Amino acid sequence: MSSVAVVLFTSDLRLHDNPVLRAALGDADEVVPLFVRDDAVHRAGFDAPNRLAFLADCLADLDAGLRDRGGRLIVRQGEIAREVKRVVERTGADSVHIAAGVSGYAAQREERIREALAGTGCALRVHDAVVTALAPGRVVPTGGKDHFAVFTPYFRRWEAEGVRGTLAAPRTVRVPDGVSGDALPDRDTIKNLSPGLARGGEEAGRKLVTSWLHGPMAGYEDGHDDLAGDATSRLSPHLHFGTVSAAELANRAREKGGPGGEAFVRQLAWRDFHHQVLAARPDASWSDYRPRHDRWRSDEDEIEAWKSGRTGYPLVDAAMRQLAHEGWMHNRGRMLAASFLTKTLYVDWRVGARHFLDLLVDGDVANNQLNWQWVAGTGTDTRPNRVLNPVIQGKRFDPDGAYVRRWVPELAEVEGSAIHEPWKLAGPDRAGVDYPDPVVDLAEARSRFERARGLD
């Protein structure tokens, strides 16, 4: 009688460099490649349309890759532990393999599955360094602390530790007969998508990796903040869904080398850093990592202006409109938009983090929430009171205004850096420009923030 293992795909929707899949294949004669559309994700409001559409692409691509190898993907919908147990009982599986996660949800999911499998004779095997390049907790500070709170010392240890080797994709996947599943989700049935949303799936992700490594990455160190140049990898959605392996990406970027490769690997380490913080402090997804005793404001008109890209500050508005159109935003834009909401409007970072999660296709709890906290000054930033001025940021990272013109067409006729201060336009230059005045004066907002934080 053939032995059976279950591969429970979560944030690792790929065949290449997947330790979960390789371990299951080594553990049994046949495997059940399983993905469960967990009801808990829906109840938490985390199944935003953009991510659902990207997920549909990923699952279709994963199923196609498995079929090329003689297998297929089994998709179920319901409570995840119950569905896993049903598959185990149907197949007599001896083991269930899953990638380790760091969020509170991931910990609860693992516990629910473990409890459901109790008494079945089926073991739950959890695999590290699948979602991240280096497993959270692999390196810790001296002195008994369970995680690094500052990036630079973490990065030194991360580099010294090294990333695991890359695993090849399997050639054959045998699935036992008689295991049924639901139909694959259909992207075309999902409403309220960002019109410029990218396509998902491992095939698309690997093509993007190849293109990135053999071209734009070489200029990444100098160009990563160039908003108009868009000289970033755009791989964050693929890393979030695991269609691309962080470990493989780090290895291949190091092989290419050069300043661009080194700068890009550093960004992968930043991603791992946030995961190890959240693994140690899962409450940081919604609670201040380092409380500043903020007395947040809540002006609904200002919040709505920020969400809709109508603040009167062109670079902020361009970034927010890119988010709405693509379900993605340039990282420099994310920092500026977050700083404007939390430091200029002085609105609770959780309001912004929730809005980002509603739209971002790469909406990852560890990176989204902890980056928001970093900018808000409640997280790991060693300079918690820094404020990003949208005018200065615009003149520095979009000096000719090309990024603003792309996303704020009302200002398309404004020439040069004057585009970043449209309220100063006069006479014919101002005529016909249908663009709002600033929702707040920057100097007054800075003074208000400093008083609130006790810095004046």
Protein backbone atom coordinates (compact mmCIF):
# COMPACT_ATOMS: atom_id res chain seq x y z
CA MET A 1 0.00 0.00 0.00
CA SER A 2 1.37 3.43 -0.98
CA SER A 3 2.18 5.94 1.73
CA VAL A 4 0.58 9.39 1.47
CA ALA A 5 1.59 12.87 2.62
CA VAL A 6 -0.38 16.11 2.38
CA VAL A 7 1.31 19.30 1.15
CA LEU A 8 -0.69 22.20 2.56
CA PHE A 9 0.22 25.19 0.40
CA THR A 10 -0.13 28.59 2.07
CA SER A 11 2.28 31.41 1.21
CA ASP A 12 4.48 29.13 -0.91
CA LEU A 13 2.54 28.70 -4.16
CA ARG A 14 5.42 27.35 -6.21
CA LEU A 15 7.15 24.18 -7.33
CA HIS A 16 10.71 25.52 -7.51
CA ASP A 17 12.71 25.75 -4.28
CA ASN A 18 9.84 24.61 -2.08
CA PRO A 19 11.12 22.72 1.00
CA VAL A 20 7.56 21.81 2.00
CA LEU A 21 6.85 20.01 -1.26
CA ARG A 22 10.28 18.37 -1.40
CA ALA A 23 9.96 17.06 2.16
CA ALA A 24 6.52 15.62 1.48
CA LEU A 25 7.72 13.92 -1.68
CA GLY A 26 10.59 12.41 0.29
CA ASP A 27 8.21 11.30 3.03
CA ALA A 28 5.68 9.35 0.97
CA ASP A 29 4.97 7.59 -2.30
CA GLU A 30 2.06 9.90 -3.12
CA VAL A 31 1.19 13.44 -2.08
CA VAL A 32 -1.97 15.52 -1.94
CA PRO A 33 -1.16 19.08 -3.04
CA LEU A 34 -3.83 20.96 -1.07
CA PHE A 35 -4.87 24.59 -0.81
CA VAL A 36 -7.69 25.58 1.51
CA ARG A 37 -9.51 28.87 1.10
CA ASP A 38 -9.83 29.40 4.82
CA ASP A 39 -13.07 30.88 6.15
CA ALA A 40 -11.01 32.64 8.86
CA VAL A 41 -9.30 34.77 6.22
CA HIS A 42 -12.69 35.93 4.95
CA ARG A 43 -13.97 36.66 8.46
CA ALA A 44 -10.88 38.80 9.11
CA GLY A 45 -11.55 40.81 5.95
CA PHE A 46 -8.14 39.88 4.54
CA ASP A 47 -9.44 38.51 1.24
CA ALA A 48 -9.31 41.84 -0.56
CA PRO A 49 -10.27 41.72 -4.27
CA ASN A 50 -6.78 42.48 -5.62
CA ARG A 51 -5.22 39.65 -3.61
CA LEU A 52 -8.06 37.27 -4.49
CA ALA A 53 -7.45 37.90 -8.19
CA PHE A 54 -3.70 37.44 -7.87
CA LEU A 55 -4.33 34.29 -5.81
CA ALA A 56 -6.60 32.92 -8.56
CA ASP A 57 -3.75 33.35 -11.04
CA CYS A 58 -1.31 31.65 -8.66
CA LEU A 59 -3.54 28.65 -8.04
CA ALA A 60 -4.25 28.18 -11.74
CA ASP A 61 -0.54 28.29 -12.51
CA LEU A 62 0.30 25.92 -9.66
CA ASP A 63 -2.32 23.46 -10.86
CA ALA A 64 -0.94 23.63 -14.40
CA GLY A 65 2.61 22.99 -13.14
CA LEU A 66 1.47 20.02 -11.10
CA ARG A 67 -0.46 18.58 -14.05
CA ASP A 68 2.67 18.84 -16.19
CA ARG A 69 4.26 16.53 -13.60
CA GLY A 70 1.40 14.06 -13.41
CA GLY A 71 -0.38 15.64 -10.44
CA ARG A 72 -3.02 18.28 -9.76
CA LEU A 73 -3.97 20.82 -7.13
CA ILE A 74 -6.80 20.05 -4.72
CA VAL A 75 -8.64 23.23 -3.69
CA ARG A 76 -11.07 23.20 -0.80
CA GLN A 77 -13.01 25.97 0.92
CA GLY A 78 -14.01 26.01 4.59
CA GLU A 79 -12.41 25.87 8.00
CA ILE A 80 -8.82 24.91 7.28
CA ALA A 81 -8.27 22.36 10.08
CA ARG A 82 -11.51 20.58 9.26
CA GLU A 83 -10.68 20.36 5.56
CA VAL A 84 -7.15 19.09 6.25
CA LYS A 85 -8.52 16.40 8.57
CA ARG A 86 -11.04 15.31 5.94
CA VAL A 87 -8.29 14.84 3.37
CA VAL A 88 -6.16 12.94 5.90
CA GLU A 89 -9.03 10.61 6.77
CA ARG A 90 -9.90 10.09 3.11
CA THR A 91 -6.33 9.21 2.07
CA GLY A 92 -4.86 7.71 5.24
CA ALA A 93 -2.03 10.25 5.08
CA ASP A 94 0.79 9.84 7.59
CA SER A 95 1.97 13.45 7.52
CA VAL A 96 0.88 16.99 6.69
CA HIS A 97 3.59 19.44 5.63
CA ILE A 98 3.22 23.21 5.93
CA ALA A 99 5.45 26.30 5.81
CA ALA A 100 6.01 28.11 9.09
CA GLY A 101 4.34 31.51 9.38
CA VAL A 102 4.90 34.38 11.78
CA SER A 103 1.53 36.10 12.17
CA GLY A 104 -0.98 35.47 14.92
CA TYR A 105 -3.24 33.92 12.30
CA ALA A 106 -0.48 31.53 11.19
CA ALA A 107 0.14 30.43 14.78
CA GLN A 108 -3.57 29.83 15.36
CA ARG A 109 -3.86 27.96 12.06
CA GLU A 110 -1.02 25.65 13.02
CA GLU A 111 -2.56 25.00 16.44
CA ARG A 112 -6.00 24.28 14.97
CA ILE A 113 -4.52 21.78 12.51
CA ARG A 114 -2.44 20.13 15.22
CA GLU A 115 -5.52 19.72 17.40
CA ALA A 116 -7.57 18.37 14.48
CA LEU A 117 -4.92 15.74 13.70
CA ALA A 118 -4.60 14.58 17.31
CA GLY A 119 -5.53 10.91 17.50
CA THR A 120 -5.41 10.37 13.73
CA GLY A 121 -1.85 9.06 13.68
CA CYS A 122 -0.95 11.79 11.20
CA ALA A 123 1.95 14.12 12.09
CA LEU A 124 2.10 17.83 11.33
CA ARG A 125 5.52 18.86 10.02
CA VAL A 126 6.28 22.59 9.95
CA HIS A 127 9.12 23.83 7.74
CA ASP A 128 11.22 26.95 8.28
CA ALA A 129 12.88 29.23 5.70
CA VAL A 130 10.13 28.73 3.14
CA VAL A 131 8.40 32.10 3.25
CA THR A 132 11.57 33.97 4.23
CA ALA A 133 15.20 33.58 3.19
CA LEU A 134 16.32 33.03 6.79
CA ALA A 135 13.99 31.55 9.38
CA PRO A 136 12.78 33.96 12.08
CA GLY A 137 14.70 33.17 15.26
CA ARG A 138 17.63 31.69 13.37
CA VAL A 139 19.79 34.56 14.61
CA VAL A 140 19.14 36.37 17.88
CA PRO A 141 21.03 39.03 19.84
CA THR A 142 23.35 38.16 22.66
CA GLY A 143 21.96 38.60 26.15
CA GLY A 144 18.92 36.36 25.88
CA LYS A 145 16.66 38.56 23.73
CA ASP A 146 14.41 36.70 21.32
CA HIS A 147 14.70 39.06 18.34
CA PHE A 148 16.59 42.01 16.90
CA ALA A 149 14.85 45.37 17.32
CA VAL A 150 17.33 47.26 15.10
CA PHE A 151 18.03 46.32 11.49
CA THR A 152 21.78 46.98 11.13
CA PRO A 153 23.01 44.46 13.73
CA TYR A 154 20.42 42.00 12.44
CA PHE A 155 21.72 42.40 8.91
CA ARG A 156 25.30 41.72 9.97
CA ARG A 157 24.25 38.43 11.54
CA TRP A 158 21.92 37.64 8.63
CA GLU A 159 24.77 38.01 6.14
CA ALA A 160 27.15 35.95 8.26
CA GLU A 161 24.61 33.15 8.73
CA GLY A 162 23.99 32.65 5.04
CA VAL A 163 20.91 31.45 3.18
CA ARG A 164 20.06 27.79 2.57
CA GLY A 165 20.70 26.23 -0.83
CA THR A 166 18.15 26.27 -3.63
CA LEU A 167 16.03 23.17 -4.32
CA ALA A 168 15.07 22.02 -7.80
CA ALA A 169 11.45 21.59 -8.79
CA PRO A 170 10.23 17.98 -8.72
CA ARG A 171 9.97 16.07 -11.97
CA THR A 172 7.02 13.93 -10.94
CA VAL A 173 4.16 14.37 -8.48
CA ARG A 174 1.88 11.39 -7.85
CA VAL A 175 -1.54 12.17 -6.34
CA PRO A 176 -3.71 9.39 -4.88
CA ASP A 177 -6.99 8.62 -6.63
CA GLY A 178 -10.32 9.60 -5.17
CA VAL A 179 -9.43 12.97 -3.65
CA SER A 180 -11.93 15.61 -4.68
CA GLY A 181 -11.78 19.38 -4.56
CA ASP A 182 -13.63 22.50 -5.58
CA ALA A 183 -13.21 24.34 -8.85
CA LEU A 184 -10.28 26.72 -9.11
CA PRO A 185 -11.28 30.33 -8.36
CA ASP A 186 -11.94 32.44 -11.46
CA ARG A 187 -10.24 35.84 -11.61
CA ASP A 188 -12.89 37.12 -14.04
CA THR A 189 -15.65 36.79 -11.42
CA ILE A 190 -13.92 39.05 -8.90
CA LYS A 191 -15.22 42.62 -8.76
CA ASN A 192 -13.68 45.94 -7.69
CA LEU A 193 -10.19 45.15 -8.94
CA SER A 194 -7.56 47.79 -9.53
CA PRO A 195 -7.57 48.24 -13.33
CA GLY A 196 -3.79 47.99 -13.64
CA LEU A 197 -3.40 44.90 -11.44
CA ALA A 198 -0.53 42.62 -12.50
CA ARG A 199 -0.94 38.92 -13.22
CA GLY A 200 0.17 36.34 -10.70
CA GLY A 201 1.57 32.83 -10.80
CA GLU A 202 4.95 31.12 -10.59
CA GLU A 203 5.58 31.29 -14.34
CA ALA A 204 5.05 35.07 -14.36
CA GLY A 205 7.14 35.44 -11.22
CA ARG A 206 10.10 33.48 -12.56
CA LYS A 207 10.07 35.44 -15.83
CA LEU A 208 10.09 38.65 -13.82
CA VAL A 209 13.02 37.38 -11.72
CA THR A 210 15.06 36.53 -14.81
CA SER A 211 14.35 39.89 -16.39
CA TRP A 212 15.23 41.71 -13.17
CA LEU A 213 18.48 39.85 -12.48
CA HIS A 214 19.81 40.25 -16.01
CA GLY A 215 18.99 43.93 -16.41
CA PRO A 216 17.53 46.54 -14.06
CA MET A 217 19.02 45.13 -10.85
CA ALA A 218 22.48 46.40 -11.87
CA GLY A 219 21.26 49.97 -11.36
CA TYR A 220 19.21 49.28 -8.25
CA GLU A 221 21.56 50.89 -5.73
CA ASP A 222 21.41 54.26 -7.46
CA GLY A 223 17.91 54.04 -8.91
CA HIS A 224 15.69 52.41 -6.29
CA ASP A 225 14.29 55.76 -5.10
CA ASP A 226 13.69 57.16 -8.59
CA LEU A 227 9.90 57.34 -8.63
CA ALA A 228 9.51 58.10 -12.33
CA GLY A 229 12.17 55.59 -13.34
CA ASP A 230 10.34 52.80 -11.49
CA ALA A 231 13.65 50.99 -11.07
CA THR A 232 12.37 48.43 -8.59
CA SER A 233 11.84 44.71 -9.06
CA ARG A 234 8.05 44.67 -8.51
CA LEU A 235 8.56 41.20 -7.04
CA SER A 236 6.83 41.94 -3.73
CA PRO A 237 3.48 40.37 -4.77
CA HIS A 238 5.30 37.20 -5.82
CA LEU A 239 7.23 37.09 -2.55
CA HIS A 240 3.99 37.59 -0.62
CA PHE A 241 2.26 34.66 -2.32
CA GLY A 242 5.43 32.60 -2.49
CA THR A 243 5.45 32.14 -6.26
CA VAL A 244 9.07 33.25 -5.95
CA SER A 245 11.39 31.94 -3.24
CA ALA A 246 13.13 34.57 -1.10
CA ALA A 247 16.05 32.19 -0.53
CA GLU A 248 16.51 31.46 -4.24
CA LEU A 249 16.21 35.15 -5.05
CA ALA A 250 18.88 36.04 -2.48
CA ASN A 251 21.20 33.34 -3.83
CA ARG A 252 20.77 34.39 -7.45
CA ALA A 253 21.16 38.10 -6.67
CA ARG A 254 24.40 37.36 -4.82
CA GLU A 255 25.64 35.33 -7.76
CA LYS A 256 25.08 38.30 -10.05
CA GLY A 257 26.86 40.51 -7.52
CA GLY A 258 27.69 44.16 -7.93
CA PRO A 259 26.37 47.13 -5.95
CA GLY A 260 22.86 46.61 -7.33
CA GLY A 261 22.77 42.98 -6.24
CA GLU A 262 24.08 43.83 -2.79
CA ALA A 263 21.50 46.59 -2.35
CA PHE A 264 18.71 44.27 -3.46
CA VAL A 265 19.79 41.49 -1.08
CA ARG A 266 19.71 44.06 1.72
CA GLN A 267 16.04 44.68 0.92
CA LEU A 268 15.36 40.95 1.17
CA ALA A 269 17.01 41.05 4.57
CA TRP A 270 14.70 43.91 5.57
CA ARG A 271 11.77 41.65 4.73
CA ASP A 272 13.22 38.88 6.91
CA PHE A 273 13.87 41.43 9.68
CA HIS A 274 10.20 42.38 9.86
CA HIS A 275 9.17 38.73 9.89
CA GLN A 276 11.44 37.97 12.84
CA VAL A 277 10.04 40.98 14.73
CA LEU A 278 6.46 39.84 14.15
CA ALA A 279 7.32 36.25 15.06
CA ALA A 280 8.51 37.47 18.46
CA ARG A 281 5.82 40.14 18.84
CA PRO A 282 2.68 39.02 16.96
CA ASP A 283 0.69 41.73 18.75
CA ALA A 284 2.66 44.32 16.74
CA SER A 285 0.30 43.68 13.83
CA TRP A 286 -2.16 46.06 15.53
CA SER A 287 -0.48 47.30 18.74
CA ASP A 288 2.35 49.83 19.01
CA TYR A 289 5.70 48.06 19.12
CA ARG A 290 7.12 51.05 21.00
CA PRO A 291 4.27 53.20 22.33
CA ARG A 292 4.73 56.98 22.03
CA HIS A 293 1.47 57.77 23.86
CA ASP A 294 0.15 59.43 20.73
CA ARG A 295 -3.14 61.31 20.84
CA TRP A 296 -4.10 60.65 17.24
CA ARG A 297 -6.45 62.98 15.35
CA SER A 298 -9.34 61.69 13.28
CA ASP A 299 -10.51 64.20 10.68
CA GLU A 300 -12.63 62.18 8.25
CA ASP A 301 -12.38 64.77 5.47
CA GLU A 302 -8.58 64.74 5.64
CA ILE A 303 -8.48 60.94 5.75
CA GLU A 304 -10.74 60.71 2.71
CA ALA A 305 -8.61 63.27 0.85
CA TRP A 306 -5.56 61.10 1.59
CA LYS A 307 -7.26 57.90 0.44
CA SER A 308 -8.55 59.43 -2.79
CA GLY A 309 -5.32 61.25 -3.70
CA ARG A 310 -6.74 64.76 -3.23
CA THR A 311 -4.57 66.18 -0.43
CA GLY A 312 -3.21 69.04 -2.52
CA TYR A 313 0.32 67.65 -2.21
CA PRO A 314 1.12 66.19 -5.66
CA LEU A 315 3.61 63.50 -4.71
CA VAL A 316 1.36 62.11 -1.97
CA ASP A 317 -1.60 62.16 -4.33
CA ALA A 318 0.36 60.50 -7.14
CA ALA A 319 1.38 57.66 -4.83
CA MET A 320 -2.16 57.10 -3.58
CA ARG A 321 -3.54 57.10 -7.11
CA GLN A 322 -0.92 54.58 -8.19
CA LEU A 323 -2.07 52.37 -5.32
CA ALA A 324 -5.69 52.61 -6.41
CA HIS A 325 -4.87 51.88 -10.07
CA GLU A 326 -2.27 49.11 -9.70
CA GLY A 327 -2.81 47.65 -6.25
CA TRP A 328 0.87 48.40 -5.79
CA MET A 329 2.95 51.42 -4.88
CA HIS A 330 6.60 52.37 -5.21
CA ASN A 331 8.35 51.93 -1.86
CA ARG A 332 9.42 55.59 -1.68
CA GLY A 333 5.78 56.50 -2.31
CA ARG A 334 4.69 54.20 0.51
CA MET A 335 7.03 55.88 2.95
CA LEU A 336 5.90 59.36 1.95
CA ALA A 337 2.19 58.50 1.99
CA ALA A 338 2.55 56.89 5.41
CA SER A 339 4.56 59.79 6.80
CA PHE A 340 1.99 62.29 5.52
CA LEU A 341 -0.89 60.45 7.19
CA THR A 342 0.81 59.76 10.51
CA LYS A 343 3.17 62.71 10.95
CA THR A 344 1.52 65.53 8.97
CA LEU A 345 -2.16 64.74 9.44
CA TYR A 346 -1.32 62.93 12.69
CA VAL A 347 -3.74 60.07 12.04
CA ASP A 348 -3.35 56.66 13.66
CA TRP A 349 -1.10 54.41 11.58
CA ARG A 350 -3.69 51.61 11.82
CA VAL A 351 -6.05 53.64 9.61
CA GLY A 352 -3.44 53.77 6.87
CA ALA A 353 -2.32 50.17 7.31
CA ARG A 354 -5.90 48.97 6.93
CA HIS A 355 -6.39 51.00 3.75
CA PHE A 356 -3.18 49.62 2.29
CA LEU A 357 -4.27 46.08 3.12
CA ASP A 358 -7.56 46.74 1.33
CA LEU A 359 -5.72 47.50 -1.91
CA LEU A 360 -2.17 46.14 -1.92
CA VAL A 361 -1.73 42.90 -3.83
CA ASP A 362 1.40 42.36 -1.71
CA GLY A 363 -0.50 43.20 1.49
CA ASP A 364 1.64 41.26 3.96
CA VAL A 365 0.98 41.64 7.69
CA ALA A 366 4.66 41.62 8.70
CA ASN A 367 5.90 44.06 6.08
CA ASN A 368 2.85 46.29 5.82
CA GLN A 369 2.17 46.73 9.52
CA LEU A 370 5.77 47.01 10.66
CA ASN A 371 6.72 49.39 7.87
CA TRP A 372 3.76 51.55 8.85
CA GLN A 373 4.95 51.45 12.45
CA TRP A 374 8.50 52.28 11.36
CA VAL A 375 7.28 55.42 9.57
CA ALA A 376 4.82 56.36 12.33
CA GLY A 377 7.60 56.22 14.91
CA THR A 378 5.95 53.49 16.96
CA GLY A 379 8.09 50.71 15.48
CA THR A 380 11.78 49.93 15.12
CA ASP A 381 12.98 53.22 13.61
CA THR A 382 15.84 54.66 15.66
CA ARG A 383 14.67 58.17 14.65
CA PRO A 384 10.96 57.94 15.53
CA ASN A 385 10.23 61.64 15.06
CA ARG A 386 11.48 62.09 11.49
CA VAL A 387 8.94 63.73 9.17
CA LEU A 388 9.11 63.41 5.38
CA ASN A 389 8.28 66.71 3.72
CA PRO A 390 6.31 65.98 0.51
CA VAL A 391 7.68 69.03 -1.31
CA ILE A 392 11.31 68.26 -0.50
CA GLN A 393 10.76 64.57 -1.26
CA GLY A 394 9.21 65.48 -4.60
CA LYS A 395 12.05 67.73 -5.67
CA ARG A 396 14.58 65.09 -4.63
CA PHE A 397 13.02 61.87 -5.97
CA ASP A 398 10.85 63.24 -8.80
CA PRO A 399 12.81 66.37 -9.76
CA ASP A 400 11.21 66.87 -13.17
CA GLY A 401 7.72 65.88 -11.96
CA ALA A 402 7.39 62.93 -14.37
CA TYR A 403 5.92 60.62 -11.72
CA VAL A 404 3.39 63.24 -10.63
CA ARG A 405 2.34 63.94 -14.23
CA ARG A 406 1.80 60.22 -14.80
CA TRP A 407 -0.68 59.91 -11.94
CA VAL A 408 -2.04 63.45 -11.48
CA PRO A 409 -3.04 64.51 -15.00
CA GLU A 410 -4.57 67.74 -13.70
CA LEU A 411 -1.01 69.01 -13.33
CA ALA A 412 0.33 67.66 -16.62
CA GLU A 413 0.90 71.13 -18.07
CA VAL A 414 2.89 72.41 -15.08
CA GLU A 415 6.56 72.48 -15.97
CA GLY A 416 9.54 71.34 -13.94
CA SER A 417 9.74 71.21 -10.18
CA ALA A 418 6.98 73.83 -9.83
CA ILE A 419 4.62 70.87 -10.07
CA HIS A 420 5.38 70.03 -6.43
CA GLU A 421 4.02 73.38 -5.19
CA PRO A 422 0.98 74.08 -7.39
CA TRP A 423 -0.53 76.44 -4.80
CA LYS A 424 2.24 78.91 -5.73
CA LEU A 425 1.13 79.09 -9.35
CA ALA A 426 -0.28 82.42 -10.41
CA GLY A 427 -1.99 84.00 -13.38
CA PRO A 428 -2.09 81.93 -16.58
CA ASP A 429 -0.14 79.08 -14.95
CA ARG A 430 -2.90 78.61 -12.38
CA ALA A 431 -5.84 79.09 -14.74
CA GLY A 432 -7.55 75.87 -15.68
CA VAL A 433 -5.71 73.75 -13.10
CA ASP A 434 -8.45 71.76 -11.36
CA TYR A 435 -6.46 70.63 -8.36
CA PRO A 436 -7.26 71.12 -4.67
CA ASP A 437 -5.46 73.42 -2.29
CA PRO A 438 -3.43 71.68 0.45
CA VAL A 439 -5.56 70.13 3.19
CA VAL A 440 -3.07 71.34 5.79
CA ASP A 441 -0.19 73.77 6.08
CA LEU A 442 3.08 71.85 6.48
CA ALA A 443 4.63 74.20 9.03
CA GLU A 444 1.52 74.22 11.20
CA ALA A 445 1.23 70.42 10.93
CA ARG A 446 4.88 69.97 11.92
CA SER A 447 4.42 72.20 14.95
CA ARG A 448 1.26 70.32 15.95
CA PHE A 449 3.05 66.98 15.69
CA GLU A 450 6.00 68.16 17.76
CA ARG A 451 3.70 69.47 20.48
CA ALA A 452 1.78 66.19 20.52
CA ARG A 453 4.99 64.19 20.85
CA GLY A 454 6.36 66.59 23.48
CA LEU A 455 9.21 67.78 21.26
CA ASP A 456 8.58 71.50 21.33
